[in-house]
Structure formats: C-alpha cells, structure tokens
Protein backbone atom coordinates (compact mmCIF):
# COMPACT_ATOMS: atom_id res chain seq x y z
CA MET A 1 -26.15 -13.44 7.85
CA PHE A 2 -26.18 -13.34 11.65
CA ASN A 3 -29.32 -14.94 13.11
CA PRO A 4 -30.28 -13.33 16.47
CA MET A 5 -32.47 -16.25 17.54
CA ALA A 6 -29.71 -18.73 16.80
CA GLY A 7 -27.35 -16.42 18.69
CA ASN A 8 -29.53 -16.40 21.78
CA LEU A 9 -29.74 -20.20 21.69
CA ALA A 10 -25.99 -20.52 21.32
CA LEU A 11 -25.39 -18.18 24.25
CA ALA A 12 -27.84 -20.17 26.31
CA ARG A 13 -25.76 -23.28 25.56
CA GLY A 14 -22.67 -21.62 26.96
CA LEU A 15 -20.94 -20.35 23.80
CA SER A 16 -19.02 -17.13 24.26
CA ARG A 17 -19.67 -14.11 22.10
CA VAL A 18 -16.41 -14.76 20.21
CA GLN A 19 -17.28 -18.42 19.67
CA LEU A 20 -20.65 -17.34 18.35
CA GLN A 21 -19.04 -14.91 15.93
CA PHE A 22 -16.74 -17.69 14.74
CA ALA A 23 -19.71 -19.98 14.17
CA ASN A 24 -21.31 -17.35 11.96
CA ILE A 25 -18.35 -16.94 9.57
CA GLN A 26 -19.68 -18.39 6.34
CA ASP A 27 -16.55 -18.88 4.22
CA PRO A 28 -14.57 -22.01 5.25
CA VAL A 29 -11.19 -20.64 4.10
CA GLN A 30 -11.55 -17.37 6.00
CA LYS A 31 -12.83 -19.34 8.97
CA SER A 32 -9.72 -21.55 9.00
CA LEU A 33 -7.45 -18.48 8.97
CA MET A 34 -8.99 -17.31 12.25
CA ALA A 35 -6.72 -19.75 14.11
CA GLU A 36 -3.56 -17.89 13.08
CA LYS A 37 -1.72 -16.32 16.01
CA CYS A 38 -1.32 -12.55 15.78
CA ILE A 39 1.24 -10.62 17.82
CA LEU A 40 -0.20 -8.67 20.74
CA VAL A 41 1.62 -5.41 21.51
CA ASP A 42 1.34 -2.51 23.94
CA ASP A 43 1.04 1.14 22.90
CA ALA A 44 4.81 1.31 22.44
CA ASP A 45 4.79 -1.75 20.11
CA ASN A 46 6.43 -4.05 22.65
CA VAL A 47 5.41 -7.68 22.18
CA VAL A 48 3.24 -8.77 25.11
CA GLY A 49 1.91 -12.11 23.87
CA SER A 50 -0.17 -13.67 21.13
CA GLU A 51 -3.82 -14.28 20.41
CA SER A 52 -5.82 -15.79 17.58
CA LYS A 53 -6.82 -13.70 14.59
CA LEU A 54 -10.39 -14.32 15.71
CA ASP A 55 -9.84 -12.76 19.13
CA CYS A 56 -7.74 -9.91 17.72
CA HIS A 57 -10.54 -8.77 15.43
CA SER A 58 -13.54 -9.31 17.70
CA VAL A 59 -15.15 -6.27 19.32
CA THR A 60 -15.53 -6.83 23.06
CA PRO A 61 -18.72 -5.85 24.94
CA ASP A 62 -17.06 -2.58 26.02
CA GLY A 63 -16.25 -1.71 22.38
CA SER A 64 -12.52 -2.35 22.53
CA ILE A 65 -10.31 -4.55 20.30
CA LYS A 66 -6.99 -6.12 21.26
CA LEU A 67 -4.02 -4.15 19.96
CA HIS A 68 -1.88 -6.21 17.58
CA ARG A 69 0.90 -5.74 15.03
CA ALA A 70 0.15 -5.43 11.31
CA PHE A 71 1.66 -4.21 8.07
CA SER A 72 0.49 -2.27 5.04
CA ALA A 73 2.53 -2.96 1.90
CA PHE A 74 2.52 -0.61 -1.08
CA LEU A 75 3.87 -2.08 -4.33
CA PHE A 76 4.58 0.22 -7.28
CA ASN A 77 5.45 -0.68 -10.85
CA SER A 78 8.28 0.90 -12.85
CA LYS A 79 5.86 3.64 -13.99
CA GLY A 80 5.33 4.69 -10.38
CA GLU A 81 1.77 3.37 -10.27
CA LEU A 82 0.42 1.75 -7.11
CA LEU A 83 -1.09 -1.73 -7.22
CA MET A 84 -4.40 -1.56 -5.35
CA GLN A 85 -6.70 -4.42 -4.43
CA GLN A 86 -10.41 -4.66 -3.72
CA ARG A 87 -11.05 -6.94 -0.76
CA SER A 88 -13.28 -9.91 -1.52
CA GLU A 89 -16.81 -10.44 -0.28
CA HIS A 90 -15.48 -13.27 1.91
CA LYS A 91 -13.34 -11.02 4.14
CA VAL A 92 -14.57 -10.79 7.72
CA THR A 93 -13.54 -7.15 8.08
CA PHE A 94 -14.15 -4.45 5.45
CA PRO A 95 -15.29 -6.64 2.53
CA TYR A 96 -15.55 -5.04 -0.93
CA LEU A 97 -13.43 -2.00 -0.01
CA TRP A 98 -10.37 -0.85 -1.97
CA THR A 99 -7.02 -0.68 -0.26
CA ASN A 100 -3.27 -0.77 -0.79
CA THR A 101 -1.47 -3.74 -2.29
CA CYS A 102 -1.49 -6.00 0.76
CA CYS A 103 -2.60 -5.51 4.38
CA SER A 104 -2.12 -8.30 6.90
CA HIS A 105 -0.26 -9.43 10.03
CA PRO A 106 3.07 -10.89 11.03
CA LEU A 107 2.42 -14.08 12.97
CA PHE A 108 3.70 -15.24 16.34
CA GLU A 109 5.95 -17.82 14.68
CA ASP A 110 8.80 -18.34 12.21
CA GLY A 111 10.73 -15.23 13.25
CA GLU A 112 7.93 -12.82 12.34
CA THR A 113 8.00 -11.27 15.83
CA GLU A 114 11.44 -9.82 15.02
CA GLY A 115 10.43 -6.22 14.44
CA ILE A 116 11.00 -4.77 10.98
CA ASP A 117 12.70 -7.89 9.62
CA GLY A 118 9.84 -10.08 10.81
CA VAL A 119 7.27 -7.79 9.23
CA LYS A 120 9.12 -7.86 5.90
CA ARG A 121 9.12 -11.68 5.96
CA ALA A 122 5.40 -11.62 6.71
CA ALA A 123 4.73 -9.24 3.84
CA THR A 124 6.63 -11.47 1.42
CA ARG A 125 4.68 -14.52 2.57
CA ARG A 126 1.30 -12.82 2.45
CA ILE A 127 1.80 -11.09 -0.91
CA GLU A 128 2.53 -14.46 -2.45
CA TYR A 129 -0.61 -15.91 -0.83
CA GLU A 130 -2.96 -13.10 -1.88
CA LEU A 131 -1.49 -11.96 -5.20
CA GLY A 132 0.61 -14.90 -6.36
CA ILE A 133 3.73 -12.72 -6.53
CA THR A 134 6.78 -14.97 -6.19
CA ASP A 135 9.64 -12.63 -7.13
CA LEU A 136 9.62 -10.34 -4.09
CA GLU A 137 12.11 -10.82 -1.26
CA PRO A 138 12.12 -9.20 2.20
CA GLU A 139 15.03 -6.98 1.16
CA ASP A 140 12.90 -5.52 -1.66
CA PHE A 141 10.81 -3.64 0.92
CA ASN A 142 11.61 -0.20 2.31
CA TYR A 143 10.30 0.26 5.84
CA LEU A 144 9.06 3.81 6.50
CA THR A 145 7.28 4.12 9.85
CA ARG A 146 4.42 2.87 12.05
CA ILE A 147 0.87 4.08 12.52
CA HIS A 148 -1.56 3.25 15.33
CA TYR A 149 -5.25 3.28 14.43
CA PHE A 150 -8.61 1.83 15.49
CA ALA A 151 -11.52 1.12 13.13
CA LEU A 152 -14.80 -0.77 13.41
CA SER A 153 -16.06 -2.81 10.46
CA ASP A 154 -19.39 -3.39 12.23
CA ASP A 155 -20.54 -4.03 15.80
CA LYS A 156 -18.79 -7.43 15.88
CA TRP A 157 -15.53 -7.03 13.92
CA GLY A 158 -12.81 -4.42 13.61
CA GLU A 159 -9.13 -3.52 13.60
CA HIS A 160 -6.84 -2.10 16.28
CA GLU A 161 -3.31 -2.16 14.96
CA ILE A 162 0.18 -0.80 15.06
CA ASP A 163 0.73 -0.89 11.34
CA TYR A 164 4.21 -1.05 9.75
CA ILE A 165 4.37 0.79 6.40
CA LEU A 166 6.37 -0.94 3.67
CA PHE A 167 7.11 0.29 0.13
CA ALA A 168 8.51 -1.67 -2.80
CA GLN A 169 8.89 -0.95 -6.50
CA LYS A 170 9.08 -3.80 -8.98
CA ASP A 171 7.29 -5.07 -12.07
CA VAL A 172 5.68 -8.40 -11.15
CA ASP A 173 3.37 -11.10 -12.46
CA LEU A 174 0.07 -11.60 -10.64
CA ASN A 175 -2.00 -14.70 -9.88
CA ILE A 176 -4.88 -13.45 -7.74
CA ASN A 177 -6.33 -15.47 -4.87
CA GLU A 178 -10.04 -14.78 -5.43
CA ASN A 179 -10.92 -15.79 -1.87
CA GLU A 180 -8.94 -12.76 -0.72
CA ILE A 181 -9.27 -10.29 -3.58
CA SER A 182 -12.12 -9.31 -5.89
CA SER A 183 -10.17 -7.05 -8.23
CA VAL A 184 -6.84 -5.27 -8.71
CA LYS A 185 -5.66 -2.24 -10.64
CA TYR A 186 -2.63 0.03 -11.00
CA VAL A 187 -3.33 3.71 -10.31
CA SER A 188 -1.51 7.02 -10.38
CA LEU A 189 -1.61 9.35 -7.37
CA ASP A 190 -4.08 11.63 -9.17
CA GLU A 191 -6.32 8.67 -9.99
CA VAL A 192 -6.45 7.36 -6.44
CA GLN A 193 -7.09 10.83 -5.02
CA ASN A 194 -10.06 11.17 -7.40
CA MET A 195 -11.60 7.85 -6.36
CA ASN A 196 -14.47 7.83 -3.86
CA HIS A 197 -12.69 7.71 -0.50
CA ARG A 198 -15.76 6.13 1.11
CA ASN A 199 -14.84 2.98 -0.81
CA PHE A 200 -11.42 2.74 0.89
CA THR A 201 -10.45 0.76 3.97
CA PRO A 202 -10.03 3.08 6.97
CA TRP A 203 -6.27 2.54 7.28
CA PHE A 204 -5.68 3.26 3.58
CA LYS A 205 -7.87 6.36 3.77
CA LEU A 206 -5.93 7.62 6.80
CA ILE A 207 -2.56 7.02 5.12
CA LEU A 208 -3.69 8.55 1.82
CA GLU A 209 -5.01 11.68 3.49
CA THR A 210 -1.91 12.23 5.65
CA LYS A 211 1.40 10.66 4.56
CA LEU A 212 1.01 8.85 1.24
CA PRO A 213 1.25 11.72 -1.29
CA ILE A 214 4.67 12.91 -0.08
CA TRP A 215 5.99 9.34 0.16
CA TRP A 216 4.67 8.53 -3.32
CA LYS A 217 6.27 11.60 -4.85
CA SER A 218 9.58 10.72 -3.16
CA ILE A 219 9.69 7.04 -4.10
CA ASP A 220 13.30 7.36 -5.31
CA ARG A 221 14.52 8.68 -1.94
CA LEU A 222 12.45 6.88 0.66
CA GLN A 223 15.31 6.42 3.13
CA SER A 224 14.92 10.07 4.12
CA PHE A 225 11.46 9.23 5.52
CA ARG A 226 12.46 6.15 7.52
CA ASP A 227 11.55 6.71 11.17
CA HIS A 228 11.32 4.01 13.84
CA THR A 229 11.29 6.42 16.78
CA VAL A 230 7.71 7.67 16.43
CA ILE A 231 4.40 5.80 16.20
CA HIS A 232 1.91 8.05 14.44
CA ARG A 233 -1.48 7.99 16.16
CA LEU A 234 -4.08 8.51 13.43
C-alpha cells in the first residue's frame, strides 16, 4: 500500500514521482518487468521511440499517459469458446479483472517493432510466458484491426494504447503463470455477455461492447474483417 508520509520523504530526497511509484511496487517479478522497453507511437501508430514499461503506464501530473503499442490476443478452442484470464493480484494495472486471453506489448527489440509481424511475434512470446502455451506460432494469428483507447487504473497507473487485435483458434495445453494470472476459463459468447461487465478490463469491455460479437460469430471468415487503414478510437 502506498504510504503518503514515505512518499513525501522520498520526494524531499529528490526521487521523481515515477521513481516513487516504482519503489512502491510490491511484487519483485512485476517490478523487474518494468524495465522492458515499450514502443512509443504517435496517433497514426508511427514509431517515435521507446520508453520503459514503468514510464508508459505512469500517469503524469497533468493526467496523461504516453501512447504506446499493444496487442489483445483472443484464443478460441475448436468449440468456438474463448479462453479468458483473470489478472492476478500482482498486476500493477487492473488487478483481479477478467479479460481476453492475453494482453501485452511488443517490445522495442528483436523485430517486434515491425508492425503486424512484430506484434504476432510478441503475442507468441507473451502467451507462452503467461499461459505456458508452446504450440502457437505467429502465423496462427489472424490480425483484424487496431483500436486506440485510454483508461486509468487509479491515480498513478493506467493504459494509453494503440492495440492490435489478434484472433487464433486452436486446442492447446495450459501451464498458468500464477504471477500473471489468477484463473482461466473457456466461455461462449452468451456466457461472456452475461458476466458482470464491471469485472472486465476496460479494453476488453470496449471490444466486447462494439466489435467482438460480430468477429466471434464470423470466426471462420475473419479475413473479411481485416483492416489496417483505420484506427478505431474507442
């Protein structure tokens, strides 16, 4: 828990607000991941540089967050059910909330800046890290489109992302990383629509309430929805 008195002392010693937020992250694994370099982009999704995951998720004094590239992967089984995850208590942003299969960031390294192909490589890497899935390849993903959204987790942390939407359908074995994920389940479209939407991450809620039903119902013909000319501002 954030200690205001300790915060005032730290600021007095010359620590920045971001450094203070970093010092107050309790979980050592999540803390170590804050050094990863996210891809900074402009409103048109052009790469303009890189910044740490810490800086890309810190709310500035004026309430803004640096815009960076992300992905949201949706993995379905052969029955057409979506694999959902509940984010762990250790997550810095939106702990405990339910969301799509995997939500993360391509990094400013190893070719992951290379547009759609880079995002697919990042999704493959991150799905293995979070869910222990080893039999997905970048070519298994169908890219659909991009969304641009902003969401605060609290007054210190949040998301501001151009989010690439990826779909895949495959039966897989799971080995959950409990530092990342509290629980998983497969759901039908009716089941997820009947869940309490207040328990969803903001990006998943936005996608579910706008685009997801039609994509889900058209999972056998997703190429007709592929669009890299528009960034949907949600």
